Amino acid sequence: MKFINCSSNILSSYFVFLLTFINPLSVCSADAPIHIEANSMTSTERTNSVVFIGDVDVKQGDVRIRSDEMTVYYTQEDKNQSTEQKTSQQVEKLICIGNVEITRGEWLGTAKKMTYLSKERQVILTDNAKAWQNQNMVSGDKIIYYLDEGRSEVMGDSSVAAGGDQKAGEKKPSRVNMTIRQ
């Protein structure tokens, strides 16, 4: 199957099985079922990717991702292996764009773009990135959430010119902002 284009509110069981086979999140236990809903899906063998568009909602264990669009990139199958030796394809990364929201337990992250790196087990939020833990909120240009460690790293953008001699129209570097409620 080289190209599939499917439009429906809930993907058919076949596509959920396909994505369970390629294990897109690998965030929780590999045994946890993955449930994906979207308005449409396109799978392209040539680029080893699956694109979900429209009200994308992904759940696996205690992780939930919502976005306007999600692209799953997975490893290419080794065609030299025998049928008995073949293993399932593994996800390399996920890229979510538009109204991204990811939750895990009491941690919530939002941004306009999210990249999940499978090997590093990192969620990277960029473009208006914010994270909440209970009532506490932090924001910055980039938030990296380390899944195995349950910790976040927040960065401002230091690449923009700043200083007292700043010209009109130039941006100041952004800073990390945090609100703690007691």
C-alpha atoms as a PDB file:
ATOM      1  CA  MET A   1       0.000   0.000   0.000  1.00  0.00           C
ATOM      2  CA  LYS A   2       1.799   3.123  -1.167  1.00  0.00           C
ATOM      3  CA  PHE A   3      -0.761   5.870  -0.562  1.00  0.00           C
ATOM      4  CA  ILE A   4      -3.904   6.013   1.531  1.00  0.00           C
ATOM      5  CA  ASN A   5      -6.230   8.961   1.872  1.00  0.00           C
ATOM      6  CA  CYS A   6      -9.056   8.497   4.336  1.00  0.00           C
ATOM      7  CA  SER A   7     -11.588  11.129   5.448  1.00  0.00           C
ATOM      8  CA  SER A   8     -13.777  10.484   8.482  1.00  0.00           C
ATOM      9  CA  ASN A   9     -14.211  11.722  12.019  1.00  0.00           C
ATOM     10  CA  ILE A  10     -12.810   8.545  13.558  1.00  0.00           C
ATOM     11  CA  LEU A  11     -10.179   6.474  11.800  1.00  0.00           C
ATOM     12  CA  SER A  12     -11.122   2.910  11.071  1.00  0.00           C
ATOM     13  CA  SER A  13      -9.775   0.070  13.192  1.00  0.00           C
ATOM     14  CA  TYR A  14      -7.344  -0.754  10.414  1.00  0.00           C
ATOM     15  CA  PHE A  15      -5.557   2.576  10.680  1.00  0.00           C
ATOM     16  CA  VAL A  16      -5.464   2.399  14.475  1.00  0.00           C
ATOM     17  CA  PHE A  17      -3.905  -1.057  14.076  1.00  0.00           C
ATOM     18  CA  LEU A  18      -1.413   0.366  11.558  1.00  0.00           C
ATOM     19  CA  LEU A  19      -0.351   3.073  13.967  1.00  0.00           C
ATOM     20  CA  THR A  20      -0.172   0.680  16.875  1.00  0.00           C
ATOM     21  CA  PHE A  21       2.148  -1.368  14.655  1.00  0.00           C
ATOM     22  CA  ILE A  22       4.467   1.598  14.099  1.00  0.00           C
ATOM     23  CA  ASN A  23       3.987   2.745  17.731  1.00  0.00           C
ATOM     24  CA  PRO A  24       3.883   6.516  17.234  1.00  0.00           C
ATOM     25  CA  LEU A  25       4.249   7.704  20.795  1.00  0.00           C
ATOM     26  CA  SER A  26       6.422   5.174  22.565  1.00  0.00           C
ATOM     27  CA  VAL A  27       5.809   7.487  25.512  1.00  0.00           C
ATOM     28  CA  CYS A  28       4.237   4.868  27.755  1.00  0.00           C
ATOM     29  CA  SER A  29       4.595   1.154  27.801  1.00  0.00           C
ATOM     30  CA  ALA A  30       4.816  -0.238  24.286  1.00  0.00           C
ATOM     31  CA  ASP A  31       1.912  -2.509  25.238  1.00  0.00           C
ATOM     32  CA  ALA A  32      -0.475   0.394  25.907  1.00  0.00           C
ATOM     33  CA  PRO A  33      -2.945   0.801  23.047  1.00  0.00           C
ATOM     34  CA  ILE A  34      -2.769   4.006  21.025  1.00  0.00           C
ATOM     35  CA  HIS A  35      -6.017   5.683  20.044  1.00  0.00           C
ATOM     36  CA  ILE A  36      -5.922   8.279  17.268  1.00  0.00           C
ATOM     37  CA  GLU A  37      -8.766  10.352  15.914  1.00  0.00           C
ATOM     38  CA  ALA A  38      -8.576  12.923  13.121  1.00  0.00           C
ATOM     39  CA  ASN A  39     -10.664  14.278  10.280  1.00  0.00           C
ATOM     40  CA  SER A  40      -8.336  12.800   7.649  1.00  0.00           C
ATOM     41  CA  MET A  41      -5.183  10.736   7.286  1.00  0.00           C
ATOM     42  CA  THR A  42      -2.617  10.282   4.519  1.00  0.00           C
ATOM     43  CA  SER A  43       0.043   7.576   4.609  1.00  0.00           C
ATOM     44  CA  THR A  44       2.976   7.752   2.213  1.00  0.00           C
ATOM     45  CA  GLU A  45       5.372   4.813   2.011  1.00  0.00           C
ATOM     46  CA  ARG A  46       7.936   6.793  -0.008  1.00  0.00           C
ATOM     47  CA  THR A  47       8.539   9.224   2.876  1.00  0.00           C
ATOM     48  CA  ASN A  48       7.793   6.726   5.677  1.00  0.00           C
ATOM     49  CA  SER A  49       5.231   9.096   7.137  1.00  0.00           C
ATOM     50  CA  VAL A  50       1.611   9.316   8.175  1.00  0.00           C
ATOM     51  CA  VAL A  51      -0.127  12.708   8.323  1.00  0.00           C
ATOM     52  CA  PHE A  52      -3.261  13.324  10.391  1.00  0.00           C
ATOM     53  CA  ILE A  53      -5.195  16.522   9.756  1.00  0.00           C
ATOM     54  CA  GLY A  54      -8.072  18.175  11.599  1.00  0.00           C
ATOM     55  CA  ASP A  55      -8.863  17.916  15.312  1.00  0.00           C
ATOM     56  CA  VAL A  56      -6.111  15.356  15.907  1.00  0.00           C
ATOM     57  CA  ASP A  57      -6.521  13.614  19.275  1.00  0.00           C
ATOM     58  CA  VAL A  58      -4.012  10.952  20.362  1.00  0.00           C
ATOM     59  CA  LYS A  59      -4.142   8.968  23.615  1.00  0.00           C
ATOM     60  CA  GLN A  60      -1.739   6.393  25.001  1.00  0.00           C
ATOM     61  CA  GLY A  61      -1.726   5.600  28.696  1.00  0.00           C
ATOM     62  CA  ASP A  62      -1.568   8.868  30.644  1.00  0.00           C
ATOM     63  CA  VAL A  63      -0.372  10.910  27.626  1.00  0.00           C
ATOM     64  CA  ARG A  64      -2.738  12.879  25.421  1.00  0.00           C
ATOM     65  CA  ILE A  65      -1.765  15.031  22.435  1.00  0.00           C
ATOM     66  CA  ARG A  66      -4.126  17.327  20.559  1.00  0.00           C
ATOM     67  CA  SER A  67      -3.275  19.479  17.547  1.00  0.00           C
ATOM     68  CA  ASP A  68      -4.497  20.681  14.169  1.00  0.00           C
ATOM     69  CA  GLU A  69      -2.028  18.442  12.316  1.00  0.00           C
ATOM     70  CA  MET A  70       0.346  15.626  13.259  1.00  0.00           C
ATOM     71  CA  THR A  71       2.981  13.936  11.098  1.00  0.00           C
ATOM     72  CA  VAL A  72       4.489  10.642  12.230  1.00  0.00           C
ATOM     73  CA  TYR A  73       7.884   9.714  10.722  1.00  0.00           C
ATOM     74  CA  TYR A  74       8.936   6.095  11.124  1.00  0.00           C
ATOM     75  CA  THR A  75      11.938   3.956  10.231  1.00  0.00           C
ATOM     76  CA  GLN A  76      12.119   2.170   6.936  1.00  0.00           C
ATOM     77  CA  GLU A  77      11.570  -1.570   7.039  1.00  0.00           C
ATOM     78  CA  ASP A  78      14.693  -3.634   6.321  1.00  0.00           C
ATOM     79  CA  LYS A  79      13.758  -5.492   3.145  1.00  0.00           C
ATOM     80  CA  ASN A  80      16.737  -7.856   3.503  1.00  0.00           C
ATOM     81  CA  GLN A  81      15.385  -9.464   6.673  1.00  0.00           C
ATOM     82  CA  SER A  82      13.425 -12.688   6.468  1.00  0.00           C
ATOM     83  CA  THR A  83       9.752 -12.638   7.442  1.00  0.00           C
ATOM     84  CA  GLU A  84      10.579 -14.262  10.804  1.00  0.00           C
ATOM     85  CA  GLN A  85      13.263 -11.640  11.581  1.00  0.00           C
ATOM     86  CA  LYS A  86      11.237  -8.553  10.631  1.00  0.00           C
ATOM     87  CA  THR A  87      10.424  -6.272  13.515  1.00  0.00           C
ATOM     88  CA  SER A  88       7.784  -3.565  13.607  1.00  0.00           C
ATOM     89  CA  GLN A  89       8.703  -0.190  12.217  1.00  0.00           C
ATOM     90  CA  GLN A  90       9.701   2.302  14.886  1.00  0.00           C
ATOM     91  CA  VAL A  91       8.764   5.945  15.127  1.00  0.00           C
ATOM     92  CA  GLU A  92      11.644   8.380  14.714  1.00  0.00           C
ATOM     93  CA  LYS A  93       9.710  11.551  15.469  1.00  0.00           C
ATOM     94  CA  LEU A  94       6.319  13.224  15.611  1.00  0.00           C
ATOM     95  CA  ILE A  95       5.686  16.784  14.519  1.00  0.00           C
ATOM     96  CA  CYS A  96       2.484  18.514  15.589  1.00  0.00           C
ATOM     97  CA  ILE A  97       1.469  21.907  14.235  1.00  0.00           C
ATOM     98  CA  GLY A  98      -1.278  24.275  15.315  1.00  0.00           C
ATOM     99  CA  ASN A  99      -2.998  24.517  18.697  1.00  0.00           C
ATOM    100  CA  VAL A 100      -0.741  21.867  20.215  1.00  0.00           C
ATOM    101  CA  GLU A 101      -1.617  20.596  23.669  1.00  0.00           C
ATOM    102  CA  ILE A 102       0.104  17.704  25.414  1.00  0.00           C
ATOM    103  CA  THR A 103      -0.797  16.389  28.839  1.00  0.00           C
ATOM    104  CA  ARG A 104       0.794  13.778  31.040  1.00  0.00           C
ATOM    105  CA  GLY A 105      -0.649  13.417  34.505  1.00  0.00           C
ATOM    106  CA  GLU A 106      -0.752  16.913  35.982  1.00  0.00           C
ATOM    107  CA  TRP A 107       1.746  18.344  33.448  1.00  0.00           C
ATOM    108  CA  LEU A 108       0.283  20.347  30.545  1.00  0.00           C
ATOM    109  CA  GLY A 109       2.258  21.864  27.671  1.00  0.00           C
ATOM    110  CA  THR A 110       0.947  24.082  24.869  1.00  0.00           C
ATOM    111  CA  ALA A 111       2.545  25.660  21.800  1.00  0.00           C
ATOM    112  CA  LYS A 112       2.041  26.260  18.112  1.00  0.00           C
ATOM    113  CA  LYS A 113       4.540  23.478  17.290  1.00  0.00           C
ATOM    114  CA  MET A 114       5.665  20.304  19.029  1.00  0.00           C
ATOM    115  CA  THR A 115       8.367  17.836  18.051  1.00  0.00           C
ATOM    116  CA  TYR A 116       8.652  14.469  19.783  1.00  0.00           C
ATOM    117  CA  LEU A 117      12.018  12.726  19.375  1.00  0.00           C
ATOM    118  CA  SER A 118      11.569   9.026  20.024  1.00  0.00           C
ATOM    119  CA  LYS A 119      15.197   8.021  20.600  1.00  0.00           C
ATOM    120  CA  GLU A 120      15.838  10.899  23.022  1.00  0.00           C
ATOM    121  CA  ARG A 121      12.303  10.616  24.534  1.00  0.00           C
ATOM    122  CA  GLN A 122      11.914  14.386  24.461  1.00  0.00           C
ATOM    123  CA  VAL A 123       8.941  16.598  23.740  1.00  0.00           C
ATOM    124  CA  ILE A 124      10.042  19.987  22.358  1.00  0.00           C
ATOM    125  CA  LEU A 125       7.491  22.794  22.388  1.00  0.00           C
ATOM    126  CA  THR A 126       8.224  25.946  20.361  1.00  0.00           C
ATOM    127  CA  ASP A 127       6.419  29.104  19.276  1.00  0.00           C
ATOM    128  CA  ASN A 128       4.476  30.473  22.249  1.00  0.00           C
ATOM    129  CA  ALA A 129       5.489  27.536  24.461  1.00  0.00           C
ATOM    130  CA  LYS A 130       3.868  27.281  27.900  1.00  0.00           C
ATOM    131  CA  ALA A 131       3.775  24.577  30.556  1.00  0.00           C
ATOM    132  CA  TRP A 132       1.669  24.137  33.655  1.00  0.00           C
ATOM    133  CA  GLN A 133       2.202  21.901  36.666  1.00  0.00           C
ATOM    134  CA  ASN A 134      -0.897  22.136  38.853  1.00  0.00           C
ATOM    135  CA  GLN A 135      -1.461  25.918  39.159  1.00  0.00           C
ATOM    136  CA  ASN A 136       2.118  26.940  38.314  1.00  0.00           C
ATOM    137  CA  MET A 137       2.885  28.162  34.800  1.00  0.00           C
ATOM    138  CA  VAL A 138       6.120  28.823  32.926  1.00  0.00           C
ATOM    139  CA  SER A 139       6.601  30.176  29.388  1.00  0.00           C
ATOM    140  CA  GLY A 140       9.505  30.674  27.030  1.00  0.00           C
ATOM    141  CA  ASP A 141      10.542  30.343  23.416  1.00  0.00           C
ATOM    142  CA  LYS A 142      11.326  26.651  23.843  1.00  0.00           C
ATOM    143  CA  ILE A 143      10.331  24.053  26.413  1.00  0.00           C
ATOM    144  CA  ILE A 144      11.914  20.615  26.415  1.00  0.00           C
ATOM    145  CA  TYR A 145      10.068  17.981  28.440  1.00  0.00           C
ATOM    146  CA  TYR A 146      12.151  14.889  29.280  1.00  0.00           C
ATOM    147  CA  LEU A 147       9.653  12.048  29.530  1.00  0.00           C
ATOM    148  CA  ASP A 148      11.807   9.544  31.407  1.00  0.00           C
ATOM    149  CA  GLU A 149      12.904  12.103  33.982  1.00  0.00           C
ATOM    150  CA  GLY A 150       9.610  13.996  34.285  1.00  0.00           C
ATOM    151  CA  ARG A 151      11.434  17.339  34.105  1.00  0.00           C
ATOM    152  CA  SER A 152      11.227  20.431  31.912  1.00  0.00           C
ATOM    153  CA  GLU A 153      13.824  22.844  30.609  1.00  0.00           C
ATOM    154  CA  VAL A 154      12.641  26.307  29.544  1.00  0.00           C
ATOM    155  CA  MET A 155      14.627  28.719  27.359  1.00  0.00           C
ATOM    156  CA  GLY A 156      14.202  32.291  26.217  1.00  0.00           C
ATOM    157  CA  ASP A 157      15.512  33.457  22.849  1.00  0.00           C
ATOM    158  CA  SER A 158      18.921  35.056  23.250  1.00  0.00           C
ATOM    159  CA  SER A 159      19.564  35.463  19.529  1.00  0.00           C
ATOM    160  CA  VAL A 160      17.799  38.839  19.310  1.00  0.00           C
ATOM    161  CA  ALA A 161      19.781  42.073  19.856  1.00  0.00           C
ATOM    162  CA  ALA A 162      19.286  43.882  23.171  1.00  0.00           C
ATOM    163  CA  GLY A 163      20.792  46.660  25.217  1.00  0.00           C
ATOM    164  CA  GLY A 164      20.467  50.349  26.027  1.00  0.00           C
ATOM    165  CA  ASP A 165      21.413  51.387  22.496  1.00  0.00           C
ATOM    166  CA  GLN A 166      18.588  49.320  20.979  1.00  0.00           C
ATOM    167  CA  LYS A 167      17.022  50.901  17.875  1.00  0.00           C
ATOM    168  CA  ALA A 168      13.290  51.412  17.427  1.00  0.00           C
ATOM    169  CA  GLY A 169      11.602  48.321  16.017  1.00  0.00           C
ATOM    170  CA  GLU A 170      14.252  45.869  17.272  1.00  0.00           C
ATOM    171  CA  LYS A 171      13.069  43.147  19.583  1.00  0.00           C
ATOM    172  CA  LYS A 172      14.489  42.565  23.021  1.00  0.00           C
ATOM    173  CA  PRO A 173      15.505  39.009  23.775  1.00  0.00           C
ATOM    174  CA  SER A 174      12.679  37.063  25.314  1.00  0.00           C
ATOM    175  CA  ARG A 175      12.932  35.803  28.809  1.00  0.00           C
ATOM    176  CA  VAL A 176      11.531  32.869  30.711  1.00  0.00           C
ATOM    177  CA  ASN A 177       8.426  33.791  32.689  1.00  0.00           C
ATOM    178  CA  MET A 178       7.011  31.856  35.616  1.00  0.00           C
ATOM    179  CA  THR A 179       3.954  32.244  37.828  1.00  0.00           C
ATOM    180  CA  ILE A 180       3.793  30.336  41.115  1.00  0.00           C
ATOM    181  CA  ARG A 181       0.514  30.159  43.012  1.00  0.00           C
ATOM    182  CA  GLN A 182       0.422  29.031  46.612  1.00  0.00           C
END
